[in-house]
Structures are given as structure tokens and as C-alpha cells.
Amino acid sequence: MTTSAQPDRRVQLTRAAFEVFTDRGYRNTSVADIVAAAGLGHGSFYNYFANRREILDAVIDLGLEERAPELSPPEELAETLDEFLDAVTAPWRALHSLSDADNKVVSLIVFDAGAIDEQLTQRVVEIFQSFARSVQRQIDHGIAKGFLRRGLDSEVLGEMLVCMSLAMLLPAQGGAPLPGGLEHVIGQARELLRAGLGQPTSP
């Protein structure tokens, strides 16, 4: 096997596992299922991964690499209350614009991975905290600029807003639409955040 072929095979196996895990779930997937989906021999798997659990880490890495940028609040800091509301609700829109397969990998990371073992639980917590810190930066900047109220706990609120975005995934897990549709839910969330976080004089 050439050196250039080695990473290609690893990526091939990872993408196959990505598809099978999101379709069947981690616990219902075997190594045989992964290599069959990749179109490779069974022995090929063990050239790159020790076991099914190890390739799950690679699947999570792939999902984060491809989807984390659009699911995080914009790096550019908001300068007005409306820009802040746009920034913190942008990931909610992104979640609901994902394809069915992409939505499944988010669900795999959020709802399934943390129940597999303690190491993955910690990793899911770290992923959650990284998103929460992005929101916290927006809140801290808003307080400094004066369009968000002083005295807000940006760390707690950052985590709360990430939880709100994840809660919007729950209806989809059962095949149910969001009550009133996405725009209605986001509109209501914006009003709640405007009233709860914004300075009374903010436009």
C-alpha cells in the first residue's frame, strides 16, 4: 500500500462509518457493517483503527470539522442588540437547514455519544463548552458595548443559549415539526432575549 493511499483508506472508512452510524446508530453497527459500506476487506479496518469505538472518535472529528463552523455563532462580535440576536440565533437556523444525514450526525454527537462511555461523555461536554464560550464572548462584548444589561452572568447564559438551540432538535428526533415553524420559534426566542438581556433603551 502506498503512503498516499493510507490516508485515503482511513478517510474512506471514516466516511463509511459516518454514514452507517448515523443511519443505524452506534450500538447497532458492527465493524463488518463499516467495511461493507466502505467496499473494503475486513482486515483493512484494523490497519487504521483498533476497534469500533476508535473510529467513532474519527467520525466525531469529521462531523465537527465539516459542520462546527456553521453551527457556531459568528466570530465577528455584534455591535447592536439586533446583531447580537442575529448572531445567537444563526446556529438555530443552521441546524434546521442541515440535510437529514447531517442532522443525524449532530444527533449522534449530542444525544448518543455521551451515553457510550465516560471518555466520550467528557468529550461531548467539552464540545458543548466550546460552543457556550462562543456565545459568552458575544454576551461579554454586548455588556461592554452597553446594549446588554450589566450584571448578566455570561458563562451561565452562554450555556443556557446553547441548551436552547439543542432543545430545538428534540421535536425532529420524534419526527415532529417545531410548533408554529422555525421562524415563529426564532421570533419568540428573539423577543424573550430582547426583553431579558437587552438594555431597556436598546432599539
Protein backbone atom coordinates (compact mmCIF):
# COMPACT_ATOMS: atom_id res chain seq x y z
CA MET A 1 0.00 0.00 0.00
CA THR A 2 1.41 3.41 -0.92
CA THR A 3 1.77 6.18 1.62
CA SER A 4 -0.73 8.34 -0.30
CA ALA A 5 -3.28 5.52 -0.26
CA GLN A 6 -3.16 5.16 3.53
CA PRO A 7 -4.91 8.41 4.49
CA ASP A 8 -7.38 7.87 1.63
CA ARG A 9 -8.39 4.50 3.05
CA ARG A 10 -8.68 5.96 6.53
CA VAL A 11 -10.95 8.72 5.25
CA GLN A 12 -12.92 6.16 3.22
CA LEU A 13 -13.53 4.07 6.34
CA THR A 14 -14.37 7.14 8.43
CA ARG A 15 -16.94 8.38 5.92
CA ALA A 16 -18.44 4.91 5.69
CA ALA A 17 -18.70 4.76 9.48
CA PHE A 18 -20.21 8.26 9.44
CA GLU A 19 -22.97 7.03 7.13
CA VAL A 20 -23.62 3.76 8.95
CA PHE A 21 -23.53 5.21 12.47
CA THR A 22 -25.95 7.99 11.54
CA ASP A 23 -28.25 5.54 9.76
CA ARG A 24 -28.27 2.66 12.25
CA GLY A 25 -26.83 4.11 15.43
CA TYR A 26 -23.51 3.26 17.03
CA ARG A 27 -24.74 0.32 19.09
CA ASN A 28 -26.41 -1.33 16.09
CA THR A 29 -23.33 -1.08 13.86
CA SER A 30 -20.55 -3.65 13.60
CA VAL A 31 -17.09 -3.42 12.06
CA ALA A 32 -18.40 -5.70 9.31
CA ASP A 33 -21.11 -3.13 8.51
CA ILE A 34 -18.50 -0.37 8.22
CA VAL A 35 -16.12 -2.24 5.91
CA ALA A 36 -19.04 -3.39 3.77
CA ALA A 37 -20.20 0.21 3.39
CA ALA A 38 -16.63 1.25 2.54
CA GLY A 39 -16.25 -1.54 -0.01
CA LEU A 40 -13.07 -2.78 1.67
CA GLY A 41 -11.89 -6.05 3.12
CA HIS A 42 -12.42 -6.75 6.80
CA GLY A 43 -8.69 -6.71 7.51
CA SER A 44 -8.36 -3.20 6.10
CA PHE A 45 -10.22 -1.78 9.08
CA TYR A 46 -7.57 -2.86 11.57
CA ASN A 47 -4.79 -1.20 9.61
CA TYR A 48 -6.25 2.14 10.70
CA PHE A 49 -8.47 1.59 13.76
CA ALA A 50 -8.20 -0.70 16.76
CA ASN A 51 -11.95 -1.11 17.13
CA ARG A 52 -15.38 0.40 16.50
CA ARG A 53 -15.02 2.80 19.42
CA GLU A 54 -11.83 4.30 17.95
CA ILE A 55 -13.42 5.02 14.59
CA LEU A 56 -16.28 6.78 16.38
CA ASP A 57 -13.75 9.39 17.52
CA ALA A 58 -12.75 9.89 13.89
CA VAL A 59 -16.41 10.23 12.90
CA ILE A 60 -16.94 12.91 15.56
CA ASP A 61 -13.80 14.72 14.36
CA LEU A 62 -15.14 14.65 10.80
CA GLY A 63 -18.57 15.90 11.84
CA LEU A 64 -17.08 18.78 13.82
CA GLU A 65 -14.65 19.70 11.06
CA GLU A 66 -17.40 19.90 8.47
CA ARG A 67 -20.29 21.31 10.49
CA ALA A 68 -18.99 23.17 13.57
CA PRO A 69 -18.22 26.46 11.74
CA GLU A 70 -21.79 26.92 10.54
CA LEU A 71 -23.29 25.77 13.85
CA SER A 72 -21.28 28.23 15.95
CA PRO A 73 -22.17 31.89 16.47
CA PRO A 74 -20.29 34.17 14.06
CA GLU A 75 -16.78 35.09 15.20
CA GLU A 76 -17.43 38.74 14.38
CA LEU A 77 -18.73 40.40 17.51
CA ALA A 78 -22.13 42.09 17.39
CA GLU A 79 -22.28 45.87 17.72
CA THR A 80 -26.02 46.24 18.35
CA LEU A 81 -28.73 44.27 20.13
CA ASP A 82 -30.26 43.17 16.84
CA GLU A 83 -26.87 41.98 15.59
CA PHE A 84 -26.46 40.05 18.84
CA LEU A 85 -29.84 38.39 18.38
CA ASP A 86 -28.89 37.53 14.80
CA ALA A 87 -25.60 36.02 15.99
CA VAL A 88 -27.01 33.81 18.73
CA THR A 89 -29.93 32.55 16.62
CA ALA A 90 -27.87 31.92 13.47
CA PRO A 91 -26.87 28.42 14.67
CA TRP A 92 -30.56 27.59 15.18
CA ARG A 93 -31.26 28.37 11.54
CA ALA A 94 -28.19 26.37 10.52
CA LEU A 95 -29.35 23.34 12.50
CA HIS A 96 -32.65 23.33 10.65
CA SER A 97 -31.06 23.82 7.23
CA LEU A 98 -28.93 20.69 7.60
CA SER A 99 -29.64 17.75 5.37
CA ASP A 100 -31.18 14.71 7.03
CA ALA A 101 -27.77 12.96 7.12
CA ASP A 102 -26.07 16.00 8.66
CA ASN A 103 -28.82 16.33 11.23
CA LYS A 104 -28.26 12.72 12.18
CA VAL A 105 -24.57 13.24 12.83
CA VAL A 106 -25.35 16.22 15.09
CA SER A 107 -27.79 13.97 16.94
CA LEU A 108 -25.15 11.22 17.12
CA ILE A 109 -22.74 13.62 18.83
CA VAL A 110 -25.30 15.35 21.05
CA PHE A 111 -27.62 12.53 22.10
CA ASP A 112 -25.81 9.23 21.53
CA ALA A 113 -22.06 9.66 22.01
CA GLY A 114 -22.25 10.85 25.59
CA ALA A 115 -24.01 7.65 26.65
CA ILE A 116 -21.32 5.32 25.29
CA ASP A 117 -18.55 5.76 27.85
CA GLU A 118 -17.10 8.27 30.30
CA GLN A 119 -14.41 9.46 27.89
CA LEU A 120 -16.97 10.33 25.25
CA THR A 121 -19.20 11.96 27.85
CA GLN A 122 -16.30 14.27 28.71
CA ARG A 123 -15.68 14.98 25.05
CA VAL A 124 -19.32 15.91 24.46
CA VAL A 125 -19.14 18.23 27.49
CA GLU A 126 -16.04 19.89 26.03
CA ILE A 127 -17.76 20.35 22.67
CA PHE A 128 -20.76 21.88 24.44
CA GLN A 129 -18.50 24.21 26.43
CA SER A 130 -16.66 25.39 23.30
CA PHE A 131 -19.96 26.45 21.73
CA ALA A 132 -21.04 28.07 25.00
CA ARG A 133 -17.81 30.07 25.15
CA SER A 134 -18.52 31.46 21.68
CA VAL A 135 -21.89 32.72 22.91
CA GLN A 136 -20.29 34.01 26.11
CA ARG A 137 -17.90 36.16 24.06
CA GLN A 138 -20.86 37.76 22.31
CA ILE A 139 -22.57 38.43 25.64
CA ASP A 140 -19.46 39.91 27.26
CA HIS A 141 -18.97 42.18 24.27
CA GLY A 142 -22.62 43.24 24.37
CA ILE A 143 -22.32 44.17 28.03
CA ALA A 144 -19.16 46.17 27.33
CA LYS A 145 -20.83 47.98 24.42
CA GLY A 146 -23.85 48.79 26.56
CA PHE A 147 -26.64 47.14 24.58
CA LEU A 148 -26.87 44.22 27.03
CA ARG A 149 -27.63 44.74 30.70
CA ARG A 150 -24.84 44.88 33.23
CA GLY A 151 -24.74 42.16 35.85
CA LEU A 152 -25.55 39.32 33.47
CA ASP A 153 -23.70 36.06 34.08
CA SER A 154 -22.31 35.46 30.60
CA GLU A 155 -20.99 31.98 31.40
CA VAL A 156 -24.35 30.69 32.60
CA LEU A 157 -26.24 32.44 29.82
CA GLY A 158 -23.86 31.07 27.18
CA GLU A 159 -24.63 27.55 28.34
CA MET A 160 -28.36 28.28 28.53
CA LEU A 161 -28.48 29.57 24.96
CA VAL A 162 -26.66 26.51 23.65
CA CYS A 163 -29.16 24.34 25.55
CA MET A 164 -31.99 26.26 23.88
CA SER A 165 -30.57 25.54 20.45
CA LEU A 166 -30.18 21.84 21.25
CA ALA A 167 -33.73 21.68 22.61
CA MET A 168 -34.93 22.71 19.17
CA LEU A 169 -33.56 19.40 17.87
CA LEU A 170 -35.81 17.33 20.12
CA PRO A 171 -39.05 17.58 18.08
CA ALA A 172 -37.14 16.45 14.99
CA GLN A 173 -35.96 13.35 16.86
CA GLY A 174 -39.57 12.25 17.02
CA GLY A 175 -40.40 13.39 13.52
CA ALA A 176 -42.47 16.34 14.78
CA PRO A 177 -42.27 19.89 13.38
CA LEU A 178 -41.44 22.86 15.56
CA PRO A 179 -44.61 24.46 16.97
CA GLY A 180 -45.54 27.24 14.56
CA GLY A 181 -42.48 26.60 12.42
CA LEU A 182 -38.86 27.70 12.63
CA GLU A 183 -39.41 31.42 12.02
CA HIS A 184 -42.09 31.59 14.70
CA VAL A 185 -39.88 29.85 17.28
CA ILE A 186 -36.88 32.06 16.49
CA GLY A 187 -39.08 35.16 16.60
CA GLN A 188 -40.36 34.23 20.04
CA ALA A 189 -36.83 33.48 21.25
CA ARG A 190 -35.62 36.86 20.00
CA GLU A 191 -38.38 38.63 21.91
CA LEU A 192 -37.53 36.68 25.06
CA LEU A 193 -33.83 37.52 24.76
CA ARG A 194 -34.51 41.15 23.87
CA ALA A 195 -36.66 41.59 26.98
CA GLY A 196 -34.42 39.58 29.27
CA LEU A 197 -30.93 40.64 28.21
CA GLY A 198 -31.23 43.95 26.41
CA GLN A 199 -30.91 47.38 27.94
CA PRO A 200 -34.39 48.97 28.21
CA THR A 201 -33.22 51.78 25.92
CA SER A 202 -31.74 49.43 23.27
CA PRO A 203 -33.51 49.69 19.89
